[in-house]
Amino acid sequence: MSAERTLHHFPLDPASRQVRLALGEKRLPFAEEPAKYWERPSELIAMNASGLTPVLTIGSGRDRLVLCESRAILDHLEEAHPEPPLLGREPAERAEARRLLQWFDRKFDYEVGGFLLHEKMEKRLLGLGSPDLAALRQGRDALRQHLVYVEGLLSTRDWLAGKRLSLADFAAAAHLSVIDYFGDVPWRDFPAVKTWYMKLKSRPAFRPLLADRWPGLAPAPHYDDLDF
């Protein structure tokens, strides 16, 4: 099978960003194919019945492998390319990384992204009108609660799941980076989280995310600043 990879993704989708970070950290080259998932393009639906990003294709023709959704893709990358390991080397650390992956992809996404990103990004993409101020307030309040939790984790750990960088860090950074794109993360109130995020922003795998721009959705001025 050819090692040719193409990632069909939306640049401001946290799930897509997790896969981009993992591919970059493992130094696996890939082509990018931006997808407007909200328009339900036929090519994307043909690959993934849910119509959602990300989708990673590997190879071509009859041997083409189509991987859909972030968790399936991340699991495949860990199995097919185990070095460097992004789930930790010890069972307890791997379990903690998986727990935090679930935390950010389900709890954080529902309580924070479901309000802030829906109001600030999805409504604009779908032409649904202005953001609802009450929904924004609810999302920001939930964000602060999550940051208190993350600040506590980082007060005793080098990285979120333990001693080593893991997919847990990439999941958290993927979600927070999109929210930071719109300027809603109160970094000054959470110094440990800010230091952790600065370390991630300086990694080569993270640099392409800082160059992301989408027409009509301008980033906050500090978004791509490594010393914010």
Foldseek 3Di string as FASTA:
>chain_A
DAQAKEKEEALLDLLSQLLLLLCVVLVRDYHYHYDPLVVLDPVQCVLPVVSHDTWMWGDDDPPIDIAGTRVRSVVVCCVVRVPPPFQDDDPQLNVLLVVLLCCLVPVLCVQAVVQQCCQQPVCVSVVVDHGDPVSNVRNLVVLVVVLVVQLVQLVPAVANSHPDHHSSRSSVLSVVLSSQQAPRDPCVVRVSVVVSNLVVLPDPSNQVSLVDDDPPRGGDPCSNPSVD
